[in-house]
Every structure is written in C-alpha cells, then in structure tokens.
Amino acid sequence: MVDSELDLVFNLQCLQKRSARKRFRRSILDEWPECGYCGRHNPSTLDHVIPRACGGKTNKHNLIGACADCNLLKSDTDWFTWYRSQEFWTSEREDKILSWINQPEFEPPSPVFVNWMEPGALLLPSAA
C-alpha cells in the first residue's frame, strides 16, 4: 500500500545517454576490480568476451573489465582459445569469466497497463 500517489514515483532519474553509458560501464568495472584475463588491478577497458565481430552482443554479461594490453592482444579472437594460450592463464579466472557470461539474461517483466485515472486503480488507503 502507498500513502499517496506521489509515493509511486521514487528514485526516478532522467539520464542522458552519456550518463547512462558511464553508469553501465561503472557497474561492470565494479564487478571486475582486476583484469578478467591477467589479473592486473584497475582495468581501464571493457572487453567483449565474445567479440562483436563474431556476433557478440554489447550486454552486461558479455563485457568484462580488461587491461588495455589484454584487450588489444585478444582483439576479435575467440577468448577461450586466446586465454588458454597465455602465460597468465588461471583456471580460477577462466571459471569466473565462464560463470559471468553464462548468467541468464535479465528480462524485465511485461508492463501492466492500467488506467491510472480510474478510481481505485492506485489502491490508496481510504481516509479514516
């Protein structure tokens, strides 16, 4: 229940495209404080694990934090083959990447269409 119809809209922010990109980027880098491949601290780039050139999407679970060197070296090659051939390969980081990219994609719930002007649609408490 809500006390007022104003309570239905909270933490609503209008983001410009640039701000939205920064938040999206920051949300991924916060999850990857080290390069997903070599383990170097504070990665500066996002790498498409499955390269866009190979059909990879730009969604959260296809992007990991990577240092510029690893991102450049990997380029658009298959990450699994490339990563396994590197001296810094570890099974722990490989498992972390695999669990990250294999997470189910979030699907927002279907919108419910309600005529908000209809009496009783907001389920506001009655005045006592």
N, C-alpha and C. Protein backbone atom coordinates (compact mmCIF):
# COMPACT_ATOMS: atom_id res chain seq x y z
N MET A 1 0.83 -1.19 0.00
CA MET A 1 0.00 0.00 0.00
C MET A 1 0.87 1.24 0.00
N VAL A 2 0.37 2.27 -0.57
CA VAL A 2 1.07 3.54 -0.58
C VAL A 2 0.21 4.59 0.12
N ASP A 3 0.87 5.57 0.72
CA ASP A 3 0.15 6.62 1.42
C ASP A 3 -0.39 7.67 0.46
N SER A 4 0.29 7.88 -0.61
CA SER A 4 -0.09 8.92 -1.56
C SER A 4 0.34 8.48 -2.94
N GLU A 5 -0.33 8.98 -3.95
CA GLU A 5 0.06 8.62 -5.31
C GLU A 5 1.44 9.15 -5.65
N LEU A 6 1.93 10.14 -4.89
CA LEU A 6 3.30 10.65 -5.11
C LEU A 6 4.34 9.62 -4.69
N ASP A 7 3.97 8.69 -3.79
CA ASP A 7 4.90 7.65 -3.35
C ASP A 7 5.17 6.61 -4.44
N LEU A 8 4.36 6.61 -5.46
CA LEU A 8 4.53 5.63 -6.53
C LEU A 8 5.73 5.95 -7.41
N VAL A 9 6.14 7.18 -7.43
CA VAL A 9 7.29 7.58 -8.24
C VAL A 9 8.39 8.01 -7.28
N PHE A 10 9.43 7.18 -7.19
CA PHE A 10 10.55 7.50 -6.31
C PHE A 10 11.84 7.05 -6.98
N ASN A 11 12.91 7.71 -6.65
CA ASN A 11 14.22 7.43 -7.25
C ASN A 11 14.18 7.41 -8.77
N LEU A 12 13.28 8.18 -9.32
CA LEU A 12 13.17 8.27 -10.77
C LEU A 12 14.17 9.31 -11.25
N GLN A 13 15.03 8.89 -12.16
CA GLN A 13 16.04 9.81 -12.68
C GLN A 13 16.01 9.78 -14.19
N CYS A 14 16.19 10.92 -14.75
CA CYS A 14 16.27 11.03 -16.20
C CYS A 14 17.75 11.12 -16.55
N LEU A 15 18.25 10.13 -17.25
CA LEU A 15 19.67 10.10 -17.58
C LEU A 15 19.88 10.46 -19.04
N GLN A 16 20.89 11.26 -19.27
CA GLN A 16 21.30 11.49 -20.64
C GLN A 16 22.05 10.25 -21.10
N LYS A 17 22.15 10.08 -22.39
CA LYS A 17 22.80 8.89 -22.95
C LYS A 17 24.22 8.74 -22.39
N ARG A 18 24.94 9.85 -22.29
CA ARG A 18 26.32 9.81 -21.79
C ARG A 18 26.37 9.31 -20.34
N SER A 19 25.47 9.81 -19.51
CA SER A 19 25.43 9.40 -18.10
C SER A 19 25.05 7.93 -17.97
N ALA A 20 24.11 7.49 -18.80
CA ALA A 20 23.69 6.09 -18.77
C ALA A 20 24.86 5.18 -19.15
N ARG A 21 25.63 5.56 -20.16
CA ARG A 21 26.80 4.77 -20.56
C ARG A 21 27.82 4.68 -19.44
N LYS A 22 28.06 5.81 -18.78
CA LYS A 22 29.03 5.83 -17.68
C LYS A 22 28.59 4.91 -16.55
N ARG A 23 27.31 4.93 -16.22
CA ARG A 23 26.80 4.06 -15.15
C ARG A 23 26.90 2.59 -15.55
N PHE A 24 26.57 2.30 -16.80
CA PHE A 24 26.66 0.93 -17.31
C PHE A 24 28.10 0.44 -17.22
N ARG A 25 29.02 1.26 -17.70
CA ARG A 25 30.45 0.93 -17.67
C ARG A 25 30.94 0.73 -16.24
N ARG A 26 30.56 1.66 -15.35
CA ARG A 26 30.98 1.59 -13.96
C ARG A 26 30.42 0.33 -13.29
N SER A 27 29.19 -0.06 -13.61
CA SER A 27 28.59 -1.25 -12.99
C SER A 27 29.39 -2.51 -13.34
N ILE A 28 29.96 -2.55 -14.54
CA ILE A 28 30.76 -3.71 -14.93
C ILE A 28 32.14 -3.65 -14.29
N LEU A 29 32.78 -2.48 -14.35
CA LEU A 29 34.12 -2.35 -13.76
C LEU A 29 34.09 -2.57 -12.24
N ASP A 30 32.98 -2.25 -11.59
CA ASP A 30 32.86 -2.52 -10.16
C ASP A 30 32.87 -4.03 -9.87
N GLU A 31 32.35 -4.80 -10.80
CA GLU A 31 32.33 -6.27 -10.66
C GLU A 31 33.69 -6.88 -11.01
N TRP A 32 34.50 -6.15 -11.76
CA TRP A 32 35.80 -6.63 -12.22
C TRP A 32 36.90 -5.67 -11.76
N PRO A 33 37.28 -5.72 -10.48
CA PRO A 33 38.33 -4.82 -10.00
C PRO A 33 39.72 -5.17 -10.52
N GLU A 34 39.83 -6.35 -11.14
CA GLU A 34 41.08 -6.79 -11.76
C GLU A 34 40.77 -7.19 -13.20
N CYS A 35 41.76 -7.12 -14.05
CA CYS A 35 41.59 -7.57 -15.43
C CYS A 35 41.10 -9.02 -15.40
N GLY A 36 40.04 -9.30 -16.13
CA GLY A 36 39.49 -10.65 -16.15
C GLY A 36 40.45 -11.69 -16.68
N TYR A 37 41.43 -11.26 -17.45
CA TYR A 37 42.38 -12.19 -18.05
C TYR A 37 43.68 -12.31 -17.26
N CYS A 38 44.40 -11.21 -17.06
CA CYS A 38 45.73 -11.29 -16.45
C CYS A 38 45.73 -10.98 -14.96
N GLY A 39 44.67 -10.37 -14.46
CA GLY A 39 44.59 -10.07 -13.04
C GLY A 39 45.16 -8.72 -12.64
N ARG A 40 45.61 -7.92 -13.60
CA ARG A 40 46.13 -6.59 -13.29
C ARG A 40 45.03 -5.75 -12.65
N HIS A 41 45.39 -5.00 -11.61
CA HIS A 41 44.40 -4.20 -10.87
C HIS A 41 43.90 -3.01 -11.69
N ASN A 42 42.66 -2.63 -11.41
CA ASN A 42 42.01 -1.46 -12.01
C ASN A 42 42.04 -1.48 -13.54
N PRO A 43 41.32 -2.41 -14.15
CA PRO A 43 41.30 -2.44 -15.61
C PRO A 43 40.68 -1.15 -16.17
N SER A 44 41.16 -0.73 -17.31
CA SER A 44 40.71 0.55 -17.86
C SER A 44 39.76 0.40 -19.05
N THR A 45 39.56 -0.83 -19.53
CA THR A 45 38.70 -1.02 -20.70
C THR A 45 37.69 -2.13 -20.42
N LEU A 46 36.67 -2.17 -21.26
CA LEU A 46 35.71 -3.28 -21.25
C LEU A 46 35.98 -4.11 -22.50
N ASP A 47 36.03 -5.41 -22.32
CA ASP A 47 36.26 -6.30 -23.45
C ASP A 47 35.02 -7.14 -23.70
N HIS A 48 34.64 -7.24 -24.97
CA HIS A 48 33.57 -8.15 -25.36
C HIS A 48 34.18 -9.56 -25.34
N VAL A 49 33.75 -10.39 -24.41
CA VAL A 49 34.30 -11.75 -24.31
C VAL A 49 34.07 -12.47 -25.63
N ILE A 50 32.83 -12.47 -26.09
CA ILE A 50 32.55 -12.95 -27.44
C ILE A 50 32.56 -11.69 -28.31
N PRO A 51 33.56 -11.55 -29.17
CA PRO A 51 33.72 -10.30 -29.93
C PRO A 51 32.50 -9.95 -30.75
N ARG A 52 32.27 -8.66 -30.88
CA ARG A 52 31.14 -8.20 -31.71
C ARG A 52 31.30 -8.69 -33.13
N ALA A 53 32.54 -8.78 -33.61
CA ALA A 53 32.80 -9.26 -34.97
C ALA A 53 32.35 -10.71 -35.16
N CYS A 54 32.22 -11.43 -34.04
CA CYS A 54 31.77 -12.83 -34.10
C CYS A 54 30.34 -12.98 -33.61
N GLY A 55 29.61 -11.89 -33.55
CA GLY A 55 28.20 -11.95 -33.15
C GLY A 55 27.94 -11.67 -31.68
N GLY A 56 28.97 -11.31 -30.92
CA GLY A 56 28.78 -11.00 -29.51
C GLY A 56 27.99 -9.72 -29.32
N LYS A 57 27.20 -9.70 -28.28
CA LYS A 57 26.35 -8.53 -28.01
C LYS A 57 27.01 -7.60 -27.01
N THR A 58 26.56 -6.37 -27.01
CA THR A 58 27.03 -5.41 -26.02
C THR A 58 26.03 -5.42 -24.87
N ASN A 59 26.07 -6.49 -24.09
CA ASN A 59 25.25 -6.55 -22.89
C ASN A 59 26.16 -6.85 -21.70
N LYS A 60 25.64 -6.64 -20.53
CA LYS A 60 26.46 -6.69 -19.33
C LYS A 60 27.25 -8.00 -19.20
N HIS A 61 26.65 -9.10 -19.54
CA HIS A 61 27.31 -10.38 -19.30
C HIS A 61 28.17 -10.86 -20.46
N ASN A 62 28.39 -10.00 -21.44
CA ASN A 62 29.38 -10.29 -22.48
C ASN A 62 30.55 -9.32 -22.36
N LEU A 63 30.52 -8.46 -21.37
CA LEU A 63 31.58 -7.48 -21.16
C LEU A 63 32.26 -7.73 -19.83
N ILE A 64 33.59 -7.70 -19.84
CA ILE A 64 34.35 -7.82 -18.59
C ILE A 64 35.40 -6.71 -18.55
N GLY A 65 35.84 -6.39 -17.36
CA GLY A 65 36.93 -5.44 -17.22
C GLY A 65 38.22 -6.09 -17.70
N ALA A 66 38.96 -5.36 -18.51
CA ALA A 66 40.23 -5.88 -19.03
C ALA A 66 41.22 -4.74 -19.12
N CYS A 67 42.47 -5.06 -18.88
CA CYS A 67 43.51 -4.03 -19.06
C CYS A 67 43.64 -3.78 -20.57
N ALA A 68 44.17 -2.64 -20.91
CA ALA A 68 44.29 -2.27 -22.32
C ALA A 68 45.15 -3.27 -23.09
N ASP A 69 46.21 -3.79 -22.44
CA ASP A 69 47.09 -4.75 -23.13
C ASP A 69 46.34 -6.01 -23.53
N CYS A 70 45.59 -6.59 -22.58
CA CYS A 70 44.85 -7.83 -22.88
C CYS A 70 43.76 -7.58 -23.92
N ASN A 71 43.08 -6.47 -23.79
CA ASN A 71 42.02 -6.15 -24.74
C ASN A 71 42.58 -6.02 -26.15
N LEU A 72 43.71 -5.37 -26.28
CA LEU A 72 44.34 -5.20 -27.59
C LEU A 72 44.88 -6.53 -28.13
N LEU A 73 45.52 -7.32 -27.26
CA LEU A 73 46.08 -8.60 -27.70
C LEU A 73 44.99 -9.58 -28.13
N LYS A 74 43.91 -9.62 -27.37
CA LYS A 74 42.82 -10.55 -27.69
C LYS A 74 42.13 -10.15 -28.98
N SER A 75 41.91 -8.85 -29.15
CA SER A 75 41.27 -8.31 -30.34
C SER A 75 39.94 -9.03 -30.59
N ASP A 76 39.75 -9.60 -31.78
CA ASP A 76 38.48 -10.26 -32.08
C ASP A 76 38.63 -11.78 -32.18
N THR A 77 39.64 -12.31 -31.49
CA THR A 77 39.84 -13.76 -31.49
C THR A 77 38.94 -14.42 -30.45
N ASP A 78 38.77 -15.71 -30.58
CA ASP A 78 37.99 -16.48 -29.61
C ASP A 78 38.66 -16.39 -28.25
N TRP A 79 37.94 -15.94 -27.24
CA TRP A 79 38.54 -15.67 -25.93
C TRP A 79 39.08 -16.94 -25.29
N PHE A 80 38.35 -18.04 -25.44
CA PHE A 80 38.75 -19.28 -24.77
C PHE A 80 40.09 -19.78 -25.29
N THR A 81 40.22 -19.83 -26.60
CA THR A 81 41.47 -20.28 -27.21
C THR A 81 42.60 -19.31 -26.89
N TRP A 82 42.32 -18.01 -27.04
CA TRP A 82 43.34 -17.00 -26.76
C TRP A 82 43.78 -17.06 -25.30
N TYR A 83 42.83 -17.09 -24.39
CA TYR A 83 43.16 -17.05 -22.97
C TYR A 83 43.96 -18.28 -22.54
N ARG A 84 43.59 -19.44 -23.02
CA ARG A 84 44.30 -20.67 -22.67
C ARG A 84 45.75 -20.67 -23.15
N SER A 85 46.06 -19.86 -24.16
CA SER A 85 47.43 -19.83 -24.69
C SER A 85 48.31 -18.80 -23.98
N GLN A 86 47.75 -18.05 -23.04
CA GLN A 86 48.51 -17.01 -22.35
C GLN A 86 49.24 -17.56 -21.12
N GLU A 87 50.41 -17.00 -20.82
CA GLU A 87 51.18 -17.42 -19.65
C GLU A 87 50.43 -17.15 -18.36
N PHE A 88 49.60 -16.11 -18.35
CA PHE A 88 48.90 -15.72 -17.12
C PHE A 88 47.57 -16.45 -16.93
N TRP A 89 47.26 -17.43 -17.78
CA TRP A 89 46.01 -18.18 -17.67
C TRP A 89 45.91 -18.85 -16.30
N THR A 90 44.74 -18.74 -15.69
CA THR A 90 44.46 -19.50 -14.47
C THR A 90 43.06 -20.07 -14.59
N SER A 91 42.86 -21.22 -14.01
CA SER A 91 41.54 -21.85 -14.07
C SER A 91 40.53 -21.04 -13.25
N GLU A 92 41.00 -20.36 -12.20
CA GLU A 92 40.08 -19.56 -11.36
C GLU A 92 39.48 -18.41 -12.16
N ARG A 93 40.34 -17.68 -12.89
CA ARG A 93 39.83 -16.56 -13.69
C ARG A 93 38.99 -17.07 -14.85
N GLU A 94 39.38 -18.18 -15.44
CA GLU A 94 38.58 -18.76 -16.52
C GLU A 94 37.18 -19.13 -16.00
N ASP A 95 37.12 -19.75 -14.83
CA ASP A 95 35.82 -20.10 -14.23
C ASP A 95 34.98 -18.87 -13.93
N LYS A 96 35.64 -17.80 -13.47
CA LYS A 96 34.91 -16.57 -13.19
C LYS A 96 34.31 -15.98 -14.47
N ILE A 97 35.09 -16.00 -15.55
CA ILE A 97 34.59 -15.49 -16.83
C ILE A 97 33.43 -16.36 -17.31
N LEU A 98 33.59 -17.67 -17.23
CA LEU A 98 32.53 -18.58 -17.68
C LEU A 98 31.24 -18.39 -16.88
N SER A 99 31.36 -18.24 -15.56
CA SER A 99 30.14 -18.05 -14.77
C SER A 99 29.51 -16.69 -15.06
N TRP A 100 30.34 -15.68 -15.37
CA TRP A 100 29.82 -14.35 -15.69
C TRP A 100 29.05 -14.36 -17.01
N ILE A 101 29.64 -14.96 -18.04
CA ILE A 101 28.99 -14.91 -19.36
C ILE A 101 27.82 -15.88 -19.46
N ASN A 102 27.75 -16.86 -18.59
CA ASN A 102 26.65 -17.84 -18.64
C ASN A 102 25.48 -17.50 -17.73
N GLN A 103 25.49 -16.32 -17.14
CA GLN A 103 24.35 -15.91 -16.32
C GLN A 103 23.14 -15.69 -17.23
N PRO A 104 21.97 -16.05 -16.75
CA PRO A 104 20.79 -15.80 -17.58
C PRO A 104 20.56 -14.31 -17.76
N GLU A 105 20.12 -13.93 -18.93
CA GLU A 105 19.84 -12.53 -19.20
C GLU A 105 18.60 -12.10 -18.45
N PHE A 106 18.66 -10.90 -17.90
CA PHE A 106 17.52 -10.34 -17.20
C PHE A 106 16.47 -9.91 -18.21
N GLU A 107 15.26 -10.37 -18.01
CA GLU A 107 14.17 -9.92 -18.85
C GLU A 107 13.20 -9.16 -17.97
N PRO A 108 13.00 -7.88 -18.27
CA PRO A 108 12.08 -7.11 -17.44
C PRO A 108 10.68 -7.68 -17.55
N PRO A 109 9.92 -7.59 -16.47
CA PRO A 109 8.56 -8.11 -16.53
C PRO A 109 7.73 -7.35 -17.55
N SER A 110 6.74 -8.02 -18.08
CA SER A 110 5.86 -7.37 -19.04
C SER A 110 5.15 -6.22 -18.36
N PRO A 111 5.01 -5.12 -19.07
CA PRO A 111 4.33 -3.99 -18.45
C PRO A 111 2.85 -4.30 -18.24
N VAL A 112 2.33 -3.77 -17.17
CA VAL A 112 0.91 -3.92 -16.88
C VAL A 112 0.26 -2.59 -17.23
N PHE A 113 -0.71 -2.64 -18.09
CA PHE A 113 -1.37 -1.41 -18.50
C PHE A 113 -2.57 -1.17 -17.61
N VAL A 114 -2.54 -0.05 -16.92
CA VAL A 114 -3.61 0.30 -16.00
C VAL A 114 -4.06 1.72 -16.32
N ASN A 115 -5.33 1.92 -16.30
CA ASN A 115 -5.86 3.28 -16.45
C ASN A 115 -5.75 3.94 -15.09
N TRP A 116 -4.71 4.75 -14.89
CA TRP A 116 -4.45 5.35 -13.59
C TRP A 116 -5.50 6.36 -13.18
N MET A 117 -6.30 6.79 -14.14
CA MET A 117 -7.34 7.77 -13.82
C MET A 117 -8.59 7.09 -13.27
N GLU A 118 -8.68 5.80 -13.41
CA GLU A 118 -9.85 5.06 -12.93
C GLU A 118 -9.84 5.00 -11.41
N PRO A 119 -10.93 5.33 -10.75
CA PRO A 119 -10.97 5.27 -9.29
C PRO A 119 -10.63 3.87 -8.79
N GLY A 120 -9.81 3.80 -7.78
CA GLY A 120 -9.42 2.52 -7.19
C GLY A 120 -8.23 1.86 -7.83
N ALA A 121 -7.73 2.41 -8.94
CA ALA A 121 -6.59 1.80 -9.63
C ALA A 121 -5.31 1.90 -8.82
N LEU A 122 -5.19 2.92 -7.98
CA LEU A 122 -3.97 3.15 -7.23
C LEU A 122 -3.95 2.42 -5.89
N LEU A 123 -5.07 1.90 -5.47
CA LEU A 123 -5.20 1.21 -4.18
C LEU A 123 -4.69 2.08 -3.03
N LEU A 124 -5.13 3.32 -3.02
CA LEU A 124 -4.76 4.23 -1.95
C LEU A 124 -5.60 3.93 -0.72
N PRO A 125 -5.02 4.10 0.46
CA PRO A 125 -5.81 3.84 1.67
C PRO A 125 -6.93 4.89 1.78
N SER A 126 -8.05 4.44 2.28
CA SER A 126 -9.16 5.38 2.43
C SER A 126 -8.91 6.27 3.65
N ALA A 127 -9.40 7.48 3.57
CA ALA A 127 -9.24 8.42 4.68
C ALA A 127 -10.12 7.98 5.84
N ALA A 128 -9.57 7.95 7.01
CA ALA A 128 -10.35 7.50 8.17
C ALA A 128 -10.86 8.64 8.98
